[in-house]
Protein backbone atom coordinates (compact mmCIF):
# COMPACT_ATOMS: atom_id res chain seq x y z
CA UNK A 1 71.30 -31.38 45.62
CA UNK A 2 71.59 -31.88 49.35
CA UNK A 3 75.29 -32.11 50.38
CA UNK A 4 74.55 -35.29 52.33
CA UNK A 5 72.99 -36.95 49.29
CA UNK A 6 75.96 -35.91 47.14
CA UNK A 7 78.33 -37.49 49.66
CA UNK A 8 76.37 -40.75 49.66
CA UNK A 9 76.34 -40.88 45.84
CA UNK A 10 80.07 -40.24 45.74
CA UNK A 11 80.70 -43.11 48.12
CA UNK A 12 78.48 -45.39 46.05
CA UNK A 13 80.41 -44.54 42.88
CA UNK A 14 83.70 -45.25 44.62
CA UNK A 15 82.31 -48.57 45.86
CA UNK A 16 81.16 -49.54 42.37
CA UNK A 17 84.60 -48.76 41.00
CA UNK A 18 86.23 -50.93 43.64
CA UNK A 19 83.85 -53.81 42.88
CA UNK A 20 84.46 -53.47 39.13
CA UNK A 21 88.21 -53.49 39.70
CA UNK A 22 87.93 -56.60 41.87
CA UNK A 23 85.85 -58.36 39.22
CA UNK A 24 88.30 -57.65 36.44
CA UNK A 25 91.50 -58.40 38.37
CA UNK A 26 92.96 -61.71 37.22
CA UNK A 27 94.72 -63.71 38.41
CA UNK A 28 94.53 -63.03 42.13
CA UNK A 29 96.27 -66.22 43.29
CA UNK A 30 98.40 -69.07 41.87
CA UNK A 31 97.02 -70.92 38.85
CA UNK A 32 96.77 -74.70 38.90
CA UNK A 33 96.97 -76.67 35.63
CA UNK A 34 95.53 -80.14 36.20
CA UNK A 35 97.06 -82.81 33.94
CA UNK A 36 94.78 -85.87 34.24
CA UNK A 37 97.60 -88.33 33.49
CA UNK A 38 100.70 -89.52 35.35
CA UNK A 39 103.92 -87.49 35.00
CA UNK A 40 106.14 -88.08 31.98
CA UNK A 41 106.32 -87.74 28.23
CA UNK A 42 104.84 -85.07 26.03
CA UNK A 43 102.15 -84.18 28.60
CA UNK A 44 104.80 -82.93 31.00
CA UNK A 45 106.83 -81.07 28.38
CA UNK A 46 103.89 -79.22 26.85
CA UNK A 47 102.03 -78.38 30.07
CA UNK A 48 105.21 -76.99 31.62
CA UNK A 49 105.85 -74.77 28.60
CA UNK A 50 102.41 -73.27 29.14
CA UNK A 51 102.79 -73.05 32.91
CA UNK A 52 106.15 -71.30 32.76
CA UNK A 53 104.84 -68.86 30.17
CA UNK A 54 101.77 -67.97 32.23
CA UNK A 55 103.89 -67.51 35.35
CA UNK A 56 106.02 -64.92 33.54
CA UNK A 57 103.25 -63.00 31.82
CA UNK A 58 100.50 -63.08 34.47
CA UNK A 59 102.87 -62.54 37.42
CA UNK A 60 101.39 -65.43 39.40
CA UNK A 61 102.90 -68.83 40.06
CA UNK A 62 101.46 -71.58 37.84
CA UNK A 63 101.66 -75.13 39.19
CA UNK A 64 101.27 -78.45 37.35
CA UNK A 65 99.07 -80.95 39.21
CA UNK A 66 99.16 -84.51 37.82
CA UNK A 67 95.93 -86.35 38.67
CA UNK A 68 96.05 -89.60 36.71
CA UNK A 69 93.47 -92.36 36.76
CA UNK A 70 90.29 -93.62 35.09
CA UNK A 71 91.44 -92.67 31.61
CA UNK A 72 91.82 -89.03 32.56
CA UNK A 73 88.39 -88.74 34.14
CA UNK A 74 89.55 -88.15 37.73
CA UNK A 75 91.50 -85.00 36.91
CA UNK A 76 88.90 -83.80 34.42
CA UNK A 77 86.10 -84.12 36.98
CA UNK A 78 88.18 -82.16 39.47
CA UNK A 79 88.38 -79.24 37.04
CA UNK A 80 84.73 -79.51 35.98
CA UNK A 81 83.74 -79.05 39.63
CA UNK A 82 86.30 -76.32 40.44
CA UNK A 83 85.32 -72.64 40.86
CA UNK A 84 84.91 -71.00 37.46
CA UNK A 85 87.39 -68.21 38.13
CA UNK A 86 90.30 -69.18 35.86
CA UNK A 87 92.57 -70.37 38.66
CA UNK A 88 92.07 -74.10 37.93
CA UNK A 89 92.65 -75.22 34.34
CA UNK A 90 92.63 -78.56 32.50
CA UNK A 91 95.36 -79.71 30.12
CA UNK A 92 93.87 -82.69 28.31
CA UNK A 93 94.33 -84.95 25.30
CA UNK A 94 92.46 -87.26 22.92
CA UNK A 95 91.10 -89.37 25.78
CA UNK A 96 88.78 -86.45 26.54
CA UNK A 97 87.04 -87.07 23.20
CA UNK A 98 87.20 -90.87 23.38
CA UNK A 99 85.80 -91.41 26.90
CA UNK A 100 82.15 -90.47 26.14
CA UNK A 101 82.02 -93.32 23.60
CA UNK A 102 84.04 -95.77 25.66
CA UNK A 103 82.39 -95.54 29.08
CA UNK A 104 78.71 -95.88 29.97
CA UNK A 105 78.97 -93.02 32.42
CA UNK A 106 81.35 -90.07 32.47
CA UNK A 107 81.05 -87.78 35.53
CA UNK A 108 80.99 -84.59 33.44
CA UNK A 109 80.05 -83.40 29.95
CA UNK A 110 83.19 -83.35 27.79
CA UNK A 111 81.91 -80.21 26.05
CA UNK A 112 79.24 -78.71 28.29
CA UNK A 113 81.22 -78.79 31.55
CA UNK A 114 84.12 -76.71 30.20
CA UNK A 115 85.17 -73.54 28.44
CA UNK A 116 87.66 -74.53 25.73
CA UNK A 117 90.57 -72.07 25.73
CA UNK A 118 92.70 -73.25 22.80
CA UNK A 119 94.04 -76.27 20.99
CA UNK A 120 97.62 -76.34 22.18
CA UNK A 121 99.28 -78.69 19.72
CA UNK A 122 99.00 -81.72 17.51
CA UNK A 123 101.33 -84.46 16.32
CA UNK A 124 101.18 -87.74 14.42
CA UNK A 125 101.71 -91.27 15.53
CA UNK A 126 104.02 -93.50 13.51
CA UNK A 127 103.15 -97.08 12.63
CA UNK A 128 106.15 -99.07 13.84
CA UNK A 129 106.75 -102.63 12.64
CA UNK A 130 109.24 -105.24 13.81
CA UNK A 131 112.06 -105.76 11.25
CA UNK A 132 111.15 -109.46 10.88
CA UNK A 133 107.78 -108.55 9.36
CA UNK A 134 108.20 -108.94 5.56
CA UNK A 135 106.66 -105.60 4.60
CA UNK A 136 108.19 -102.31 3.53
CA UNK A 137 105.08 -100.23 2.87
CA UNK A 138 101.46 -99.96 3.89
CA UNK A 139 100.51 -101.78 0.69
CA UNK A 140 102.84 -104.66 1.63
CA UNK A 141 101.55 -104.74 5.21
CA UNK A 142 97.88 -104.82 4.20
CA UNK A 143 98.54 -107.55 1.65
CA UNK A 144 100.41 -109.60 4.27
CA UNK A 145 97.62 -109.17 6.82
CA UNK A 146 95.06 -110.34 4.28
CA UNK A 147 97.13 -113.41 3.42
CA UNK A 148 97.54 -114.21 7.11
CA UNK A 149 94.28 -113.13 8.82
CA UNK A 150 94.42 -113.20 12.61
CA UNK A 151 98.18 -113.69 12.73
CA UNK A 152 99.58 -110.16 12.89
CA UNK A 153 99.39 -108.61 16.36
CA UNK A 154 99.21 -104.91 17.09
CA UNK A 155 100.07 -103.64 20.54
CA UNK A 156 98.58 -100.62 22.27
CA UNK A 157 99.14 -98.61 25.42
CA UNK A 158 95.77 -99.78 26.76
CA UNK A 159 92.17 -100.45 25.76
CA UNK A 160 90.53 -97.27 24.48
CA UNK A 161 93.87 -95.46 24.31
CA UNK A 162 94.53 -93.47 21.12
CA UNK A 163 97.20 -96.04 20.17
CA UNK A 164 94.50 -98.70 20.36
CA UNK A 165 91.88 -96.82 18.38
CA UNK A 166 94.46 -95.88 15.74
CA UNK A 167 94.83 -99.62 15.15
CA UNK A 168 91.08 -100.22 15.13
CA UNK A 169 90.58 -97.46 12.57
CA UNK A 170 93.36 -99.01 10.48
CA UNK A 171 91.59 -102.37 10.61
CA UNK A 172 88.26 -100.82 9.61
CA UNK A 173 89.65 -98.88 6.68
CA UNK A 174 91.96 -101.59 5.33
CA UNK A 175 89.62 -104.51 5.92
CA UNK A 176 92.30 -106.47 7.77
CA UNK A 177 92.00 -108.92 10.67
CA UNK A 178 94.64 -107.89 13.22
CA UNK A 179 94.81 -109.14 16.80
CA UNK A 180 94.92 -106.44 19.49
CA UNK A 181 97.05 -106.89 22.62
CA UNK A 182 96.74 -104.04 25.17
CA UNK A 183 99.59 -103.13 27.53
CA UNK A 184 99.75 -100.95 30.61
CA UNK A 185 101.42 -98.06 28.82
CA UNK A 186 103.48 -97.42 25.73
CA UNK A 187 106.77 -98.46 27.33
CA UNK A 188 105.86 -102.15 27.83
CA UNK A 189 104.25 -102.24 24.37
CA UNK A 190 107.49 -101.03 22.78
CA UNK A 191 109.55 -103.57 24.74
CA UNK A 192 107.51 -106.46 23.34
CA UNK A 193 107.57 -104.97 19.83
CA UNK A 194 111.36 -104.76 19.99
CA UNK A 195 111.44 -108.37 21.18
CA UNK A 196 109.20 -109.56 18.36
CA UNK A 197 106.34 -110.71 20.62
CA UNK A 198 104.00 -108.37 18.68
CA UNK A 199 104.10 -107.24 15.05
CA UNK A 200 103.25 -103.52 15.14
CA UNK A 201 102.45 -100.52 17.30
CA UNK A 202 101.18 -96.99 16.67
CA UNK A 203 103.69 -95.02 18.74
CA UNK A 204 104.51 -91.38 19.25
CA UNK A 205 107.38 -89.91 17.27
CA UNK A 206 109.42 -89.20 20.38
CA UNK A 207 109.10 -92.81 21.55
CA UNK A 208 109.78 -94.31 18.15
CA UNK A 209 112.57 -92.16 16.71
CA UNK A 210 115.50 -93.66 18.69
CA UNK A 211 114.56 -97.17 17.51
CA UNK A 212 113.95 -96.02 13.94
CA UNK A 213 117.36 -94.35 13.83
CA UNK A 214 118.99 -97.46 15.28
CA UNK A 215 117.27 -99.63 12.61
CA UNK A 216 115.60 -101.66 15.35
CA UNK A 217 112.06 -100.82 14.14
CA UNK A 218 110.66 -100.02 10.70
CA UNK A 219 108.43 -96.94 10.22
CA UNK A 220 105.64 -97.90 7.81
CA UNK A 221 103.77 -94.58 7.80
CA UNK A 222 102.71 -91.62 9.90
CA UNK A 223 99.07 -91.16 10.84
CA UNK A 224 98.49 -87.44 10.17
CA UNK A 225 97.31 -85.98 6.87
CA UNK A 226 100.77 -84.60 6.12
CA UNK A 227 104.28 -85.96 6.57
CA UNK A 228 106.36 -85.17 9.62
CA UNK A 229 109.44 -82.97 9.35
CA UNK A 230 111.16 -85.47 11.66
CA UNK A 231 110.49 -88.33 9.19
CA UNK A 232 110.24 -86.59 5.83
CA UNK A 233 110.80 -89.79 3.83
CA UNK A 234 108.04 -91.72 5.59
CA UNK A 235 104.64 -91.45 3.84
CA UNK A 236 101.29 -90.95 5.50
CA UNK A 237 98.67 -93.69 5.65
CA UNK A 238 96.37 -91.32 3.76
CA UNK A 239 98.78 -91.05 0.82
CA UNK A 240 99.33 -94.80 0.92
CA UNK A 241 95.83 -95.45 -0.38
CA UNK A 242 93.54 -94.70 2.59
CA UNK A 243 92.59 -91.07 2.09
CA UNK A 244 90.23 -90.83 5.06
CA UNK A 245 92.72 -92.13 7.59
CA UNK A 246 93.88 -89.53 10.08
CA UNK A 247 94.81 -89.93 13.73
CA UNK A 248 96.80 -87.43 15.75
CA UNK A 249 97.86 -86.92 19.31
CA UNK A 250 96.50 -83.55 20.42
CA UNK A 251 96.16 -81.38 23.48
CA UNK A 252 93.61 -78.80 24.63
CA UNK A 253 93.55 -76.24 27.44
CA UNK A 254 90.19 -75.86 29.16
CA UNK A 255 88.59 -74.12 32.14
CA UNK A 256 85.42 -74.83 34.13
CA UNK A 257 82.15 -73.84 32.47
CA UNK A 258 81.12 -70.32 33.41
CA UNK A 259 84.64 -68.88 33.56
CA UNK A 260 84.23 -65.16 32.70
CA UNK A 261 84.74 -64.34 29.03
CA UNK A 262 87.39 -61.76 29.94
CA UNK A 263 89.42 -64.47 31.68
CA UNK A 264 88.95 -66.88 28.77
CA UNK A 265 90.21 -64.17 26.41
CA UNK A 266 93.22 -63.38 28.60
CA UNK A 267 94.20 -67.04 28.92
CA UNK A 268 93.73 -67.71 25.22
CA UNK A 269 95.87 -64.75 24.20
CA UNK A 270 98.67 -65.53 26.65
CA UNK A 271 98.80 -69.26 25.94
CA UNK A 272 98.79 -68.70 22.16
CA UNK A 273 101.51 -66.06 22.47
CA UNK A 274 103.78 -68.41 24.42
CA UNK A 275 103.08 -71.39 22.15
CA UNK A 276 104.11 -69.44 19.08
CA UNK A 277 107.33 -68.07 20.51
CA UNK A 278 110.48 -69.30 18.78
CA UNK A 279 111.72 -71.10 21.90
CA UNK A 280 108.44 -72.94 22.51
CA UNK A 281 107.98 -73.86 18.86
CA UNK A 282 111.45 -75.40 18.66
CA UNK A 283 110.96 -77.32 21.92
CA UNK A 284 107.62 -78.70 20.79
CA UNK A 285 108.85 -79.66 17.33
CA UNK A 286 111.67 -81.65 18.89
CA UNK A 287 108.91 -83.65 20.59
CA UNK A 288 107.13 -84.21 17.28
CA UNK A 289 104.44 -81.70 18.19
CA UNK A 290 103.31 -78.75 16.08
CA UNK A 291 101.93 -75.80 18.10
CA UNK A 292 98.39 -74.81 17.08
CA UNK A 293 97.16 -71.94 19.25
CA UNK A 294 93.58 -71.69 17.98
CA UNK A 295 90.69 -69.50 19.09
CA UNK A 296 88.26 -70.92 21.68
CA UNK A 297 85.65 -71.30 18.93
CA UNK A 298 88.01 -73.22 16.65
CA UNK A 299 89.16 -75.44 19.52
CA UNK A 300 85.57 -76.20 20.52
CA UNK A 301 84.66 -77.17 16.94
CA UNK A 302 87.75 -79.41 16.77
CA UNK A 303 86.78 -81.15 20.03
CA UNK A 304 83.23 -81.84 18.88
CA UNK A 305 84.51 -83.25 15.57
CA UNK A 306 86.88 -85.60 17.45
CA UNK A 307 84.09 -86.76 19.78
CA UNK A 308 81.92 -87.68 16.78
CA UNK A 309 84.82 -89.43 15.01
CA UNK A 310 85.77 -91.64 17.94
CA UNK A 311 82.14 -92.41 18.77
CA UNK A 312 81.83 -93.96 15.31
CA UNK A 313 85.13 -95.89 15.58
CA UNK A 314 84.31 -97.30 19.04
CA UNK A 315 80.86 -98.36 17.81
CA UNK A 316 82.01 -99.88 14.49
CA UNK A 317 84.99 -101.67 16.04
CA UNK A 318 82.85 -102.85 18.97
CA UNK A 319 85.42 -101.64 21.50
CA UNK A 320 84.47 -102.25 25.14
CA UNK A 321 86.18 -101.76 28.49
CA UNK A 322 85.91 -104.07 31.47
C-alpha cells in the first residue's frame, strides 16, 4: 500500500476513535433536574437525594430547578423540548399521569415525549378525619356518609390533584355523596380540617403524622395496598372492604425522548444504586416513601397503567378544570 494512503487511513482511524469517545462521554457538563412544582415537601427531599448522588458518582454538578405552574406542565414541557443528551432530566409525580385526562390540551405526550429512567419511590396517603366526626373505621365513615348524603366535606390540595382524585375514587367505590372543597395546597386544607370546617382529607404521611400523634386528627385508613410501617395499626382502604382501592403518591425520573440508550442505562443504574443505599432508604422512609428503583421498562409500564387508571376516574367522576 502506498505510504501516503496508509497515513491517511491511520488519521481516519484516529479521528473515528476520537468521535466515538466524544459520543460515549457522559456527562460533559452539569446536569439539571427539573422539578415541575414549587420548592418544599417530599419533592425537594427526594430530588435532592438523587441530585447529590449523581453529583458524587458522575463527577458533575447536578442542580435542582423548580419550575412550578400549570399542574406541572410548564416544567415538563421544558424537559420535553430540551436537547436529548441526558443533561436535562425531569423529576415528576402523579400529576404527569393525571393531566392528559384533566386538560383538553397538554403541550407534550406524557409517554411519547420522554424516556422513562426509573420509578423513584412510592408512598400512601392517609385518610384523615376531624375528631368530631363520629366514625372510627372506614365502615363507620361510609355508613355515616350514606345516612347524611351531601353533608360530609372532603378537602383537597386543588382540583385534579392526587388528593382530590383519591377522594373521587373513594366516592365512586363506596357509593357515597361527599362534597369536595379544593384548596390552594395541602397546607390550607389541613388548617381547615384541624378547625373542623371540613370533615376529611387525603394527606401525605409526613403532613399527617404530627397531628395523628397529637390526637388532633384521626387516621381512618391508608390508601396503598399494604399498611405503612409508620402507621402499622392503621388498616388500608382495600382491607376495609374495597379491594380495588389503591392510590399512592409516586415519583418518576425521565429524560427527553431520543436520549441515547447508553445514557439512559447509566442514569438508571446510578439513580437506582443511590436510592437503595442505606442512607437514602432511611431518609425516604422517614418521609413515608419507599424507594422503588425499577428498570426503564417497568417504570414505563407503571406510568401507562396510571394514565389509564386516572383517565377512567376523571371521566366517571366528571372532574373538570376551569
